[in-house]
Amino acid sequence: MAEWVPSEFQTTVLEFLRRRGWSQNELHLQTGISQSVINRWLHEDPRQVVQPTDSTLRRLAPIIGVPHSELMRLAGRVTAEAP
């Protein structure tokens, strides 16, 4: 089986959790986003991953300190604009 490579969105959230020393449950408590949804965002099996919705990204953005528009891009919900 191939080694898991997280997406940019997964990497951003996982790095935030690592820096803060937070579990997925703590992120749930701070954002009000279901722990099962957070777990599905970060799942290693791509068949199990769910993409975050706009409303969950809006709740997540201020907690992790990443602008909503950047989270949308990282989650693949919008493409980066050309310069």
Protein backbone atom coordinates (compact mmCIF):
# COMPACT_ATOMS: atom_id res chain seq x y z
CA MET A 1 0.00 0.00 0.00
CA ALA A 2 1.30 3.47 -0.90
CA GLU A 3 2.35 5.87 1.83
CA TRP A 4 -0.31 8.42 2.76
CA VAL A 5 0.35 11.96 1.55
CA PRO A 6 -2.00 14.50 3.14
CA SER A 7 -3.66 17.22 1.06
CA GLU A 8 -2.75 20.88 1.59
CA PHE A 9 -5.91 21.31 3.67
CA GLN A 10 -5.14 18.25 5.79
CA THR A 11 -1.54 19.42 6.27
CA THR A 12 -2.71 22.87 7.41
CA VAL A 13 -5.16 21.48 9.96
CA LEU A 14 -2.78 18.77 11.20
CA GLU A 15 0.06 21.29 11.60
CA PHE A 16 -2.23 23.62 13.57
CA LEU A 17 -3.23 20.74 15.88
CA ARG A 18 0.40 19.73 16.35
CA ARG A 19 1.55 23.30 17.16
CA ARG A 20 -1.27 23.80 19.66
CA GLY A 21 -1.03 20.32 21.13
CA TRP A 22 -4.73 19.89 20.39
CA SER A 23 -6.63 16.73 19.62
CA GLN A 24 -9.40 16.55 17.06
CA ASN A 25 -11.78 16.66 20.02
CA GLU A 26 -10.32 19.99 21.20
CA LEU A 27 -10.78 21.40 17.70
CA HIS A 28 -14.38 20.19 17.84
CA LEU A 29 -14.90 21.90 21.20
CA GLN A 30 -13.40 25.18 19.96
CA THR A 31 -15.25 25.27 16.62
CA GLY A 32 -18.49 23.40 17.25
CA ILE A 33 -17.73 21.28 14.18
CA SER A 34 -18.62 17.62 14.73
CA GLN A 35 -15.63 15.51 15.74
CA SER A 36 -16.70 12.87 13.24
CA VAL A 37 -16.62 15.49 10.45
CA ILE A 38 -13.13 16.61 11.51
CA ASN A 39 -12.03 12.98 11.56
CA ARG A 40 -13.37 12.49 8.02
CA TRP A 41 -11.49 15.60 6.82
CA LEU A 42 -8.24 14.16 8.13
CA HIS A 43 -8.75 10.49 7.27
CA GLU A 44 -5.77 8.71 5.69
CA ASP A 45 -7.97 6.63 3.38
CA PRO A 46 -8.93 8.89 0.45
CA ARG A 47 -12.15 6.89 0.01
CA GLN A 48 -13.22 8.03 3.50
CA VAL A 49 -12.27 11.72 3.21
CA VAL A 50 -15.05 14.30 3.02
CA GLN A 51 -14.50 17.82 1.80
CA PRO A 52 -15.31 20.63 4.22
CA THR A 53 -18.30 22.81 3.47
CA ASP A 54 -18.16 26.57 3.15
CA SER A 55 -19.92 27.00 6.51
CA THR A 56 -17.48 24.72 8.35
CA LEU A 57 -14.52 26.51 6.77
CA ARG A 58 -15.97 29.83 7.98
CA ARG A 59 -16.09 28.44 11.54
CA LEU A 60 -12.61 26.95 11.28
CA ALA A 61 -10.81 29.96 9.78
CA PRO A 62 -10.70 32.28 12.82
CA ILE A 63 -9.76 29.44 15.17
CA ILE A 64 -6.73 28.30 13.18
CA GLY A 65 -5.80 31.78 11.95
CA VAL A 66 -6.07 31.10 8.23
CA PRO A 67 -8.30 33.31 6.07
CA HIS A 68 -11.51 31.67 4.86
CA SER A 69 -10.53 32.28 1.23
CA GLU A 70 -7.21 30.47 1.77
CA LEU A 71 -8.96 27.52 3.44
CA MET A 72 -11.33 27.36 0.47
CA ARG A 73 -8.31 27.16 -1.86
CA LEU A 74 -6.50 24.59 0.31
CA ALA A 75 -9.63 22.43 0.45
CA GLY A 76 -9.89 22.54 -3.34
CA ARG A 77 -13.19 24.39 -3.26
CA VAL A 78 -11.81 27.25 -5.40
CA THR A 79 -8.75 27.55 -7.57
CA ALA A 80 -6.02 30.09 -7.02
CA GLU A 81 -6.38 33.17 -9.17
CA ALA A 82 -3.74 33.76 -11.80
CA PRO A 83 -1.49 36.78 -11.18
